[in-house]
Amino acid sequence: MEFQAIPIIRIFDERKAKEFYLGFLGMNLDWEHRFEAGFPIYMQVSCGNLVFHLSEHSGDCTPGSKVFVNTNELDNLFKEIISKDYKYNKPEMTTAPWGAKVFEVTDPFSNKVLFNEQAKT
């Protein structure tokens, strides 16, 4: 049995969301949907098997949430992200209390993504 959890992340501005998730985080836009012109957008972004749904629909999720993401390429991801010219976010690599290296980014809607790489034993 396999599972894949896909968090739904509340957004309020399509342009700002794309600037952050596509431009800054380097994710791909897989698809987007609106019931009709002028309605809220719902879209999927991904990077490998990391998948987020981004929604302007008010009932879908809570703004200001946090997503915990495990990776085995934290150093490379961190270097790629900090090399971007994104003035609203300058993450720092730290060591978490559980011994893992981590860094956190905050999107324009106060949602946080914590990238984690377990300590090698």
N, C-alpha and C. Protein backbone atom coordinates (compact mmCIF):
# COMPACT_ATOMS: atom_id res chain seq x y z
N MET A 1 0.85 -1.17 0.00
CA MET A 1 0.00 0.00 0.00
C MET A 1 0.89 1.23 0.00
N GLU A 2 0.62 2.16 -0.89
CA GLU A 2 1.37 3.42 -0.95
C GLU A 2 0.44 4.59 -0.71
N PHE A 3 0.98 5.64 -0.15
CA PHE A 3 0.22 6.87 0.08
C PHE A 3 1.04 8.05 -0.43
N GLN A 4 0.36 9.09 -0.82
CA GLN A 4 1.00 10.37 -1.09
C GLN A 4 0.08 11.44 -0.54
N ALA A 5 0.55 12.16 0.46
CA ALA A 5 -0.22 13.27 1.00
C ALA A 5 0.08 14.51 0.17
N ILE A 6 -0.97 15.23 -0.21
CA ILE A 6 -0.81 16.48 -0.96
C ILE A 6 -1.45 17.59 -0.14
N PRO A 7 -0.63 18.42 0.48
CA PRO A 7 -1.21 19.52 1.26
C PRO A 7 -1.87 20.56 0.35
N ILE A 8 -2.97 21.09 0.83
CA ILE A 8 -3.63 22.21 0.15
C ILE A 8 -3.22 23.47 0.91
N ILE A 9 -2.67 24.42 0.19
CA ILE A 9 -2.12 25.63 0.78
C ILE A 9 -2.95 26.82 0.32
N ARG A 10 -3.42 27.62 1.27
CA ARG A 10 -4.28 28.77 0.98
C ARG A 10 -3.45 29.91 0.43
N ILE A 11 -3.88 30.45 -0.70
CA ILE A 11 -3.24 31.61 -1.31
C ILE A 11 -4.29 32.69 -1.53
N PHE A 12 -3.85 33.92 -1.73
CA PHE A 12 -4.77 35.04 -1.94
C PHE A 12 -4.49 35.83 -3.21
N ASP A 13 -3.40 35.50 -3.90
CA ASP A 13 -3.01 36.25 -5.07
C ASP A 13 -2.24 35.32 -6.00
N GLU A 14 -2.81 35.03 -7.16
CA GLU A 14 -2.22 34.09 -8.10
C GLU A 14 -0.81 34.51 -8.53
N ARG A 15 -0.62 35.77 -8.85
CA ARG A 15 0.69 36.25 -9.31
C ARG A 15 1.75 36.07 -8.23
N LYS A 16 1.44 36.46 -7.00
CA LYS A 16 2.40 36.31 -5.90
C LYS A 16 2.70 34.84 -5.61
N ALA A 17 1.66 34.00 -5.70
CA ALA A 17 1.86 32.57 -5.46
C ALA A 17 2.79 31.97 -6.51
N LYS A 18 2.58 32.33 -7.77
CA LYS A 18 3.44 31.81 -8.84
C LYS A 18 4.87 32.34 -8.70
N GLU A 19 5.01 33.60 -8.32
CA GLU A 19 6.34 34.17 -8.11
C GLU A 19 7.09 33.39 -7.03
N PHE A 20 6.40 33.02 -5.96
CA PHE A 20 7.03 32.30 -4.85
C PHE A 20 7.26 30.83 -5.19
N TYR A 21 6.20 30.11 -5.53
CA TYR A 21 6.31 28.66 -5.71
C TYR A 21 7.03 28.26 -7.00
N LEU A 22 6.81 28.98 -8.07
CA LEU A 22 7.46 28.65 -9.34
C LEU A 22 8.83 29.33 -9.45
N GLY A 23 8.86 30.64 -9.19
CA GLY A 23 10.10 31.38 -9.34
C GLY A 23 11.10 31.10 -8.23
N PHE A 24 10.71 31.31 -6.98
CA PHE A 24 11.62 31.19 -5.85
C PHE A 24 11.92 29.72 -5.50
N LEU A 25 10.88 28.90 -5.35
CA LEU A 25 11.11 27.50 -4.99
C LEU A 25 11.45 26.62 -6.19
N GLY A 26 11.23 27.10 -7.39
CA GLY A 26 11.60 26.34 -8.58
C GLY A 26 10.67 25.18 -8.90
N MET A 27 9.44 25.25 -8.43
CA MET A 27 8.47 24.19 -8.71
C MET A 27 7.88 24.38 -10.10
N ASN A 28 7.20 23.37 -10.60
CA ASN A 28 6.54 23.41 -11.90
C ASN A 28 5.04 23.58 -11.73
N LEU A 29 4.42 24.30 -12.64
CA LEU A 29 2.96 24.39 -12.66
C LEU A 29 2.44 23.21 -13.46
N ASP A 30 1.70 22.30 -12.79
CA ASP A 30 1.19 21.10 -13.44
C ASP A 30 -0.15 21.36 -14.12
N TRP A 31 -1.02 22.07 -13.42
CA TRP A 31 -2.32 22.42 -13.98
C TRP A 31 -2.96 23.48 -13.11
N GLU A 32 -3.96 24.16 -13.67
CA GLU A 32 -4.74 25.14 -12.92
C GLU A 32 -6.19 25.06 -13.36
N HIS A 33 -7.09 25.42 -12.44
CA HIS A 33 -8.52 25.31 -12.73
C HIS A 33 -9.27 26.49 -12.12
N ARG A 34 -10.22 27.00 -12.87
CA ARG A 34 -11.21 27.97 -12.40
C ARG A 34 -12.56 27.50 -12.92
N PHE A 35 -13.58 27.70 -12.13
CA PHE A 35 -14.91 27.34 -12.60
C PHE A 35 -15.34 28.23 -13.76
N GLU A 36 -14.93 29.49 -13.71
CA GLU A 36 -15.12 30.42 -14.83
C GLU A 36 -14.28 31.66 -14.56
N ALA A 37 -14.17 32.52 -15.55
CA ALA A 37 -13.36 33.74 -15.42
C ALA A 37 -13.78 34.54 -14.19
N GLY A 38 -12.80 35.04 -13.47
CA GLY A 38 -13.08 35.85 -12.29
C GLY A 38 -13.28 35.04 -11.02
N PHE A 39 -13.31 33.73 -11.12
CA PHE A 39 -13.47 32.87 -9.94
C PHE A 39 -12.10 32.54 -9.36
N PRO A 40 -12.04 32.06 -8.10
CA PRO A 40 -10.75 31.69 -7.50
C PRO A 40 -10.05 30.59 -8.29
N ILE A 41 -8.74 30.61 -8.21
CA ILE A 41 -7.94 29.60 -8.89
C ILE A 41 -7.60 28.46 -7.93
N TYR A 42 -7.46 27.28 -8.50
CA TYR A 42 -6.98 26.09 -7.79
C TYR A 42 -5.93 25.49 -8.71
N MET A 43 -4.72 25.27 -8.21
CA MET A 43 -3.65 24.78 -9.09
C MET A 43 -2.76 23.80 -8.36
N GLN A 44 -2.05 23.02 -9.16
CA GLN A 44 -1.08 22.08 -8.62
C GLN A 44 0.31 22.48 -9.08
N VAL A 45 1.23 22.50 -8.10
CA VAL A 45 2.64 22.73 -8.38
C VAL A 45 3.42 21.55 -7.84
N SER A 46 4.56 21.26 -8.48
CA SER A 46 5.34 20.11 -8.03
C SER A 46 6.81 20.29 -8.34
N CYS A 47 7.61 19.51 -7.64
CA CYS A 47 9.04 19.38 -7.89
C CYS A 47 9.36 17.94 -7.55
N GLY A 48 9.55 17.12 -8.57
CA GLY A 48 9.71 15.69 -8.33
C GLY A 48 8.44 15.13 -7.72
N ASN A 49 8.57 14.41 -6.59
CA ASN A 49 7.37 13.86 -5.95
C ASN A 49 6.82 14.76 -4.84
N LEU A 50 7.34 15.98 -4.73
CA LEU A 50 6.77 16.98 -3.82
C LEU A 50 5.66 17.71 -4.56
N VAL A 51 4.43 17.59 -4.06
CA VAL A 51 3.27 18.15 -4.74
C VAL A 51 2.47 18.99 -3.75
N PHE A 52 2.12 20.21 -4.16
CA PHE A 52 1.25 21.08 -3.38
C PHE A 52 0.06 21.47 -4.24
N HIS A 53 -1.10 21.57 -3.62
CA HIS A 53 -2.25 22.21 -4.24
C HIS A 53 -2.36 23.60 -3.64
N LEU A 54 -2.50 24.60 -4.48
CA LEU A 54 -2.63 25.99 -4.04
C LEU A 54 -4.04 26.45 -4.36
N SER A 55 -4.73 27.01 -3.37
CA SER A 55 -6.14 27.34 -3.55
C SER A 55 -6.48 28.74 -3.06
N GLU A 56 -7.21 29.48 -3.92
CA GLU A 56 -7.78 30.76 -3.49
C GLU A 56 -9.17 30.57 -2.88
N HIS A 57 -9.69 29.35 -2.88
CA HIS A 57 -11.03 29.08 -2.33
C HIS A 57 -10.99 29.16 -0.80
N SER A 58 -11.83 29.98 -0.22
CA SER A 58 -11.76 30.25 1.22
C SER A 58 -12.05 29.04 2.09
N GLY A 59 -12.84 28.09 1.65
CA GLY A 59 -13.18 26.95 2.49
C GLY A 59 -12.23 25.78 2.40
N ASP A 60 -11.21 25.87 1.57
CA ASP A 60 -10.34 24.70 1.35
C ASP A 60 -9.34 24.45 2.46
N CYS A 61 -8.82 25.49 3.08
CA CYS A 61 -7.76 25.30 4.05
C CYS A 61 -7.55 26.58 4.84
N THR A 62 -6.64 26.50 5.79
CA THR A 62 -6.40 27.61 6.70
C THR A 62 -5.12 28.35 6.32
N PRO A 63 -5.18 29.67 6.17
CA PRO A 63 -3.94 30.41 5.91
C PRO A 63 -3.01 30.35 7.13
N GLY A 64 -1.72 30.44 6.88
CA GLY A 64 -0.75 30.41 7.97
C GLY A 64 -0.39 29.00 8.42
N SER A 65 -0.55 28.02 7.56
CA SER A 65 -0.21 26.64 7.89
C SER A 65 1.27 26.38 7.68
N LYS A 66 1.71 25.19 8.10
CA LYS A 66 3.11 24.80 7.95
C LYS A 66 3.17 23.39 7.37
N VAL A 67 4.05 23.21 6.39
CA VAL A 67 4.25 21.91 5.75
C VAL A 67 5.68 21.46 6.06
N PHE A 68 5.83 20.23 6.51
CA PHE A 68 7.12 19.64 6.84
C PHE A 68 7.53 18.74 5.68
N VAL A 69 8.69 19.03 5.07
CA VAL A 69 9.13 18.30 3.88
C VAL A 69 10.49 17.67 4.13
N ASN A 70 10.55 16.35 4.05
CA ASN A 70 11.83 15.64 4.14
C ASN A 70 12.50 15.61 2.77
N THR A 71 13.81 15.75 2.76
CA THR A 71 14.59 15.64 1.53
C THR A 71 15.95 15.05 1.86
N ASN A 72 16.59 14.47 0.85
CA ASN A 72 17.95 13.96 1.04
C ASN A 72 18.97 14.84 0.30
N GLU A 73 18.52 15.98 -0.20
CA GLU A 73 19.38 16.90 -0.96
C GLU A 73 19.27 18.32 -0.41
N LEU A 74 19.25 18.45 0.89
CA LEU A 74 18.99 19.75 1.52
C LEU A 74 20.04 20.79 1.14
N ASP A 75 21.31 20.43 1.15
CA ASP A 75 22.36 21.41 0.84
C ASP A 75 22.19 21.95 -0.57
N ASN A 76 21.96 21.07 -1.55
CA ASN A 76 21.76 21.52 -2.93
C ASN A 76 20.52 22.38 -3.07
N LEU A 77 19.44 21.97 -2.43
CA LEU A 77 18.19 22.74 -2.49
C LEU A 77 18.40 24.13 -1.87
N PHE A 78 19.07 24.18 -0.74
CA PHE A 78 19.32 25.45 -0.07
C PHE A 78 20.15 26.38 -0.96
N LYS A 79 21.22 25.85 -1.55
CA LYS A 79 22.06 26.66 -2.44
C LYS A 79 21.27 27.20 -3.61
N GLU A 80 20.41 26.36 -4.18
CA GLU A 80 19.59 26.79 -5.32
C GLU A 80 18.62 27.90 -4.92
N ILE A 81 17.98 27.74 -3.77
CA ILE A 81 16.99 28.71 -3.33
C ILE A 81 17.63 30.04 -2.94
N ILE A 82 18.73 30.01 -2.20
CA ILE A 82 19.33 31.28 -1.79
C ILE A 82 20.01 32.01 -2.95
N SER A 83 20.25 31.32 -4.05
CA SER A 83 20.84 31.98 -5.21
C SER A 83 19.81 32.81 -5.99
N LYS A 84 18.53 32.64 -5.67
CA LYS A 84 17.47 33.37 -6.37
C LYS A 84 17.37 34.79 -5.85
N ASP A 85 17.02 35.69 -6.72
CA ASP A 85 16.84 37.09 -6.35
C ASP A 85 15.39 37.30 -5.93
N TYR A 86 15.08 36.89 -4.71
CA TYR A 86 13.72 37.01 -4.17
C TYR A 86 13.81 37.81 -2.88
N LYS A 87 13.45 39.06 -2.94
CA LYS A 87 13.72 39.98 -1.83
C LYS A 87 12.89 39.73 -0.58
N TYR A 88 11.85 38.92 -0.67
CA TYR A 88 10.95 38.75 0.48
C TYR A 88 11.32 37.58 1.39
N ASN A 89 12.37 36.83 1.05
CA ASN A 89 12.67 35.65 1.83
C ASN A 89 14.15 35.33 1.73
N LYS A 90 14.82 35.29 2.85
CA LYS A 90 16.25 34.96 2.91
C LYS A 90 16.43 33.88 3.98
N PRO A 91 16.18 32.61 3.61
CA PRO A 91 16.24 31.54 4.63
C PRO A 91 17.67 31.30 5.11
N GLU A 92 17.74 30.70 6.30
CA GLU A 92 19.02 30.34 6.89
C GLU A 92 18.98 28.87 7.27
N MET A 93 20.08 28.18 7.05
CA MET A 93 20.21 26.79 7.44
C MET A 93 20.50 26.73 8.93
N THR A 94 19.78 25.85 9.63
CA THR A 94 20.01 25.68 11.06
C THR A 94 20.00 24.18 11.39
N THR A 95 20.35 23.90 12.63
CA THR A 95 20.24 22.53 13.13
C THR A 95 19.05 22.49 14.08
N ALA A 96 18.12 21.60 13.80
CA ALA A 96 16.92 21.47 14.63
C ALA A 96 17.23 20.75 15.93
N PRO A 97 16.38 20.91 16.94
CA PRO A 97 16.60 20.21 18.22
C PRO A 97 16.71 18.69 18.06
N TRP A 98 16.13 18.14 16.99
CA TRP A 98 16.20 16.69 16.77
C TRP A 98 17.44 16.29 15.98
N GLY A 99 18.37 17.24 15.75
CA GLY A 99 19.65 16.95 15.13
C GLY A 99 19.71 17.06 13.63
N ALA A 100 18.60 17.35 12.99
CA ALA A 100 18.55 17.45 11.53
C ALA A 100 18.91 18.86 11.09
N LYS A 101 19.43 18.95 9.85
CA LYS A 101 19.61 20.26 9.23
C LYS A 101 18.27 20.67 8.64
N VAL A 102 17.91 21.94 8.81
CA VAL A 102 16.62 22.42 8.32
C VAL A 102 16.76 23.86 7.82
N PHE A 103 15.83 24.25 6.95
CA PHE A 103 15.61 25.66 6.67
C PHE A 103 14.14 25.82 6.34
N GLU A 104 13.66 27.03 6.61
CA GLU A 104 12.23 27.31 6.46
C GLU A 104 12.03 28.52 5.56
N VAL A 105 11.02 28.43 4.72
CA VAL A 105 10.62 29.57 3.89
C VAL A 105 9.17 29.89 4.21
N THR A 106 8.82 31.14 4.06
CA THR A 106 7.45 31.60 4.31
C THR A 106 6.92 32.23 3.04
N ASP A 107 5.76 31.76 2.59
CA ASP A 107 5.18 32.31 1.36
C ASP A 107 4.51 33.65 1.64
N PRO A 108 4.05 34.36 0.62
CA PRO A 108 3.44 35.68 0.82
C PRO A 108 2.13 35.67 1.60
N PHE A 109 1.64 34.47 1.95
CA PHE A 109 0.35 34.35 2.64
C PHE A 109 0.53 33.77 4.04
N SER A 110 1.75 33.82 4.55
CA SER A 110 2.14 33.37 5.89
C SER A 110 2.16 31.86 6.07
N ASN A 111 2.11 31.10 4.97
CA ASN A 111 2.29 29.65 5.04
C ASN A 111 3.79 29.37 5.08
N LYS A 112 4.17 28.36 5.86
CA LYS A 112 5.58 28.02 5.99
C LYS A 112 5.85 26.63 5.41
N VAL A 113 7.02 26.49 4.79
CA VAL A 113 7.49 25.19 4.32
C VAL A 113 8.83 24.95 5.01
N LEU A 114 8.90 23.91 5.84
CA LEU A 114 10.12 23.55 6.55
C LEU A 114 10.76 22.37 5.82
N PHE A 115 11.95 22.60 5.26
CA PHE A 115 12.69 21.55 4.58
C PHE A 115 13.65 20.93 5.60
N ASN A 116 13.66 19.60 5.66
CA ASN A 116 14.35 18.84 6.69
C ASN A 116 15.19 17.73 6.05
N GLU A 117 16.42 17.58 6.55
CA GLU A 117 17.22 16.41 6.17
C GLU A 117 17.70 15.76 7.46
N GLN A 118 17.31 14.51 7.66
CA GLN A 118 17.65 13.79 8.86
C GLN A 118 19.16 13.71 9.03
N ALA A 119 19.61 13.76 10.26
CA ALA A 119 21.03 13.60 10.55
C ALA A 119 21.47 12.21 10.15
N LYS A 120 22.62 12.12 9.54
CA LYS A 120 23.16 10.81 9.15
C LYS A 120 23.77 10.15 10.38
N THR A 121 23.41 8.90 10.59
CA THR A 121 23.94 8.20 11.78
C THR A 121 24.95 7.16 11.41
